[in-house]
Amino acid sequence: MRMNEISYDNSAPVDGYGAGFFRIGGKRYDGAVVASASGVQAWGGYVDTETLTALADALDVLFVGTGAEIAHLPAEFRTLLEQAGIGVESMASPAACRTYNVLLSEGRRVAVALIPV
């Protein structure tokens, strides 16, 4: 088996998560968060599109973690992000964390908005 070292450059991967929190880059964040190459910040959930659209020029795709289970995104939320030029993919938060980490390690322009499990 061949092992490859993963480099995240200056970005912080999601290290773990639990009931109501995420650990990103070794630091614990309670509640919903957004992580991208520009850092980690609190996120107000589906009503907080401004935090996400501010990242539009710095990313190609946004993964939205919908909590413990996959759920449909509110139509208005998705529409506002797509109008800002952001590709949006929804999945359960654990899957969103994993997918974000993989693409981040590839140097891709990604962000993740996460609702706690």
C-alpha atoms as a PDB file:
ATOM      1  CA  MET A   1       0.000   0.000   0.000  1.00  0.00           C
ATOM      2  CA  ARG A   2       1.299   3.436  -0.871  1.00  0.00           C
ATOM      3  CA  MET A   3       0.671   6.311   1.556  1.00  0.00           C
ATOM      4  CA  ASN A   4       0.456   9.909   0.377  1.00  0.00           C
ATOM      5  CA  GLU A   5       0.930  12.883   2.640  1.00  0.00           C
ATOM      6  CA  ILE A   6      -1.926  15.369   2.393  1.00  0.00           C
ATOM      7  CA  SER A   7      -1.176  19.061   2.332  1.00  0.00           C
ATOM      8  CA  TYR A   8      -3.841  21.684   2.914  1.00  0.00           C
ATOM      9  CA  ASP A   9      -1.556  24.679   2.233  1.00  0.00           C
ATOM     10  CA  ASN A  10      -2.870  27.501   4.430  1.00  0.00           C
ATOM     11  CA  SER A  11      -6.409  26.140   4.695  1.00  0.00           C
ATOM     12  CA  ALA A  12      -7.798  24.216   7.648  1.00  0.00           C
ATOM     13  CA  PRO A  13      -9.557  20.870   7.163  1.00  0.00           C
ATOM     14  CA  VAL A  14     -12.484  19.661   9.235  1.00  0.00           C
ATOM     15  CA  ASP A  15     -10.869  17.481  11.897  1.00  0.00           C
ATOM     16  CA  GLY A  16     -14.046  16.272  13.575  1.00  0.00           C
ATOM     17  CA  TYR A  17     -17.607  17.006  14.612  1.00  0.00           C
ATOM     18  CA  GLY A  18     -20.101  16.080  17.272  1.00  0.00           C
ATOM     19  CA  ALA A  19     -23.411  17.121  18.762  1.00  0.00           C
ATOM     20  CA  GLY A  20     -23.529  20.876  18.148  1.00  0.00           C
ATOM     21  CA  PHE A  21     -19.895  21.496  17.182  1.00  0.00           C
ATOM     22  CA  PHE A  22     -17.172  21.160  14.548  1.00  0.00           C
ATOM     23  CA  ARG A  23     -13.400  20.979  14.998  1.00  0.00           C
ATOM     24  CA  ILE A  24     -11.661  22.751  12.123  1.00  0.00           C
ATOM     25  CA  GLY A  25      -7.913  23.192  11.984  1.00  0.00           C
ATOM     26  CA  GLY A  26      -7.667  21.940  15.558  1.00  0.00           C
ATOM     27  CA  LYS A  27     -10.064  24.543  16.967  1.00  0.00           C
ATOM     28  CA  ARG A  28     -13.602  23.879  18.231  1.00  0.00           C
ATOM     29  CA  TYR A  29     -16.514  25.885  16.789  1.00  0.00           C
ATOM     30  CA  ASP A  30     -19.987  25.616  18.306  1.00  0.00           C
ATOM     31  CA  GLY A  31     -23.061  25.932  16.091  1.00  0.00           C
ATOM     32  CA  ALA A  32     -23.295  26.417  12.335  1.00  0.00           C
ATOM     33  CA  VAL A  33     -20.084  27.499  10.575  1.00  0.00           C
ATOM     34  CA  VAL A  34     -18.631  28.335   7.178  1.00  0.00           C
ATOM     35  CA  ALA A  35     -15.112  27.197   6.337  1.00  0.00           C
ATOM     36  CA  SER A  36     -13.127  28.278   3.307  1.00  0.00           C
ATOM     37  CA  ALA A  37      -9.581  29.206   2.339  1.00  0.00           C
ATOM     38  CA  SER A  38     -10.186  32.601   3.967  1.00  0.00           C
ATOM     39  CA  GLY A  39     -10.938  31.038   7.359  1.00  0.00           C
ATOM     40  CA  VAL A  40     -13.790  29.867   9.566  1.00  0.00           C
ATOM     41  CA  GLN A  41     -16.712  31.969  10.732  1.00  0.00           C
ATOM     42  CA  ALA A  42     -20.100  31.571  12.345  1.00  0.00           C
ATOM     43  CA  TRP A  43     -22.997  31.085   9.955  1.00  0.00           C
ATOM     44  CA  GLY A  44     -26.613  32.050  10.602  1.00  0.00           C
ATOM     45  CA  GLY A  45     -28.082  29.139   8.645  1.00  0.00           C
ATOM     46  CA  TYR A  46     -30.265  29.352   5.572  1.00  0.00           C
ATOM     47  CA  VAL A  47     -31.310  32.962   6.256  1.00  0.00           C
ATOM     48  CA  ASP A  48     -27.655  34.079   6.206  1.00  0.00           C
ATOM     49  CA  THR A  49     -26.862  34.192   2.499  1.00  0.00           C
ATOM     50  CA  GLU A  50     -24.685  37.323   2.801  1.00  0.00           C
ATOM     51  CA  THR A  51     -21.888  35.408   4.528  1.00  0.00           C
ATOM     52  CA  LEU A  52     -21.865  32.923   1.648  1.00  0.00           C
ATOM     53  CA  THR A  53     -22.273  35.312  -1.287  1.00  0.00           C
ATOM     54  CA  ALA A  54     -19.316  37.332   0.048  1.00  0.00           C
ATOM     55  CA  LEU A  55     -17.183  34.296  -0.881  1.00  0.00           C
ATOM     56  CA  ALA A  56     -18.450  34.086  -4.480  1.00  0.00           C
ATOM     57  CA  ASP A  57     -15.250  35.331  -6.130  1.00  0.00           C
ATOM     58  CA  ALA A  58     -13.071  32.931  -4.137  1.00  0.00           C
ATOM     59  CA  LEU A  59     -14.824  29.613  -4.782  1.00  0.00           C
ATOM     60  CA  ASP A  60     -16.215  27.354  -7.443  1.00  0.00           C
ATOM     61  CA  VAL A  61     -18.450  25.176  -5.299  1.00  0.00           C
ATOM     62  CA  LEU A  62     -20.075  25.399  -1.891  1.00  0.00           C
ATOM     63  CA  PHE A  63     -20.989  22.250   0.007  1.00  0.00           C
ATOM     64  CA  VAL A  64     -23.889  22.703   2.395  1.00  0.00           C
ATOM     65  CA  GLY A  65     -24.039  20.218   5.245  1.00  0.00           C
ATOM     66  CA  THR A  66     -27.696  19.912   6.238  1.00  0.00           C
ATOM     67  CA  GLY A  67     -27.121  18.240   9.619  1.00  0.00           C
ATOM     68  CA  ALA A  68     -27.255  14.551  10.476  1.00  0.00           C
ATOM     69  CA  GLU A  69     -29.436  13.714   7.460  1.00  0.00           C
ATOM     70  CA  ILE A  70     -29.491  15.013   3.907  1.00  0.00           C
ATOM     71  CA  ALA A  71     -32.271  17.503   3.260  1.00  0.00           C
ATOM     72  CA  HIS A  72     -33.426  19.694   0.404  1.00  0.00           C
ATOM     73  CA  LEU A  73     -32.174  23.252   0.525  1.00  0.00           C
ATOM     74  CA  PRO A  74     -34.803  25.993   0.644  1.00  0.00           C
ATOM     75  CA  ALA A  75     -35.483  27.081  -2.942  1.00  0.00           C
ATOM     76  CA  GLU A  76     -34.877  30.781  -2.245  1.00  0.00           C
ATOM     77  CA  PHE A  77     -31.561  30.001  -0.535  1.00  0.00           C
ATOM     78  CA  ARG A  78     -30.323  27.934  -3.487  1.00  0.00           C
ATOM     79  CA  THR A  79     -31.528  30.509  -6.016  1.00  0.00           C
ATOM     80  CA  LEU A  80     -29.749  33.405  -4.286  1.00  0.00           C
ATOM     81  CA  LEU A  81     -26.466  31.493  -4.196  1.00  0.00           C
ATOM     82  CA  GLU A  82     -26.714  30.349  -7.792  1.00  0.00           C
ATOM     83  CA  GLN A  83     -27.509  33.904  -8.920  1.00  0.00           C
ATOM     84  CA  ALA A  84     -24.286  34.975  -7.183  1.00  0.00           C
ATOM     85  CA  GLY A  85     -22.422  32.442  -9.345  1.00  0.00           C
ATOM     86  CA  ILE A  86     -21.895  29.845  -6.613  1.00  0.00           C
ATOM     87  CA  GLY A  87     -22.345  26.169  -7.424  1.00  0.00           C
ATOM     88  CA  VAL A  88     -24.190  24.535  -4.529  1.00  0.00           C
ATOM     89  CA  GLU A  89     -24.230  20.894  -3.447  1.00  0.00           C
ATOM     90  CA  SER A  90     -26.212  19.723  -0.426  1.00  0.00           C
ATOM     91  CA  MET A  91     -25.458  16.635   1.619  1.00  0.00           C
ATOM     92  CA  ALA A  92     -25.487  15.507   5.222  1.00  0.00           C
ATOM     93  CA  SER A  93     -22.887  17.373   7.299  1.00  0.00           C
ATOM     94  CA  PRO A  94     -20.577  14.346   7.793  1.00  0.00           C
ATOM     95  CA  ALA A  95     -20.414  13.795   4.017  1.00  0.00           C
ATOM     96  CA  ALA A  96     -19.936  17.526   3.405  1.00  0.00           C
ATOM     97  CA  CYS A  97     -16.962  17.544   5.808  1.00  0.00           C
ATOM     98  CA  ARG A  98     -15.310  14.612   4.038  1.00  0.00           C
ATOM     99  CA  THR A  99     -15.924  15.981   0.551  1.00  0.00           C
ATOM    100  CA  TYR A 100     -14.652  19.425   1.543  1.00  0.00           C
ATOM    101  CA  ASN A 101     -11.446  17.923   2.967  1.00  0.00           C
ATOM    102  CA  VAL A 102     -10.733  15.900  -0.175  1.00  0.00           C
ATOM    103  CA  LEU A 103     -11.224  18.828  -2.543  1.00  0.00           C
ATOM    104  CA  LEU A 104      -9.348  21.162  -0.211  1.00  0.00           C
ATOM    105  CA  SER A 105      -6.372  18.780  -0.275  1.00  0.00           C
ATOM    106  CA  GLU A 106      -6.459  18.972  -4.085  1.00  0.00           C
ATOM    107  CA  GLY A 107      -6.128  22.754  -3.926  1.00  0.00           C
ATOM    108  CA  ARG A 108      -9.649  23.345  -5.225  1.00  0.00           C
ATOM    109  CA  ARG A 109     -11.586  26.562  -4.592  1.00  0.00           C
ATOM    110  CA  VAL A 110     -14.217  25.203  -2.194  1.00  0.00           C
ATOM    111  CA  ALA A 111     -16.109  26.197   0.914  1.00  0.00           C
ATOM    112  CA  VAL A 112     -18.420  24.354   3.266  1.00  0.00           C
ATOM    113  CA  ALA A 113     -21.401  25.675   5.228  1.00  0.00           C
ATOM    114  CA  LEU A 114     -22.272  23.293   8.023  1.00  0.00           C
ATOM    115  CA  ILE A 115     -25.285  22.772  10.247  1.00  0.00           C
ATOM    116  CA  PRO A 116     -24.311  20.685  13.307  1.00  0.00           C
ATOM    117  CA  VAL A 117     -25.308  17.051  13.657  1.00  0.00           C
END
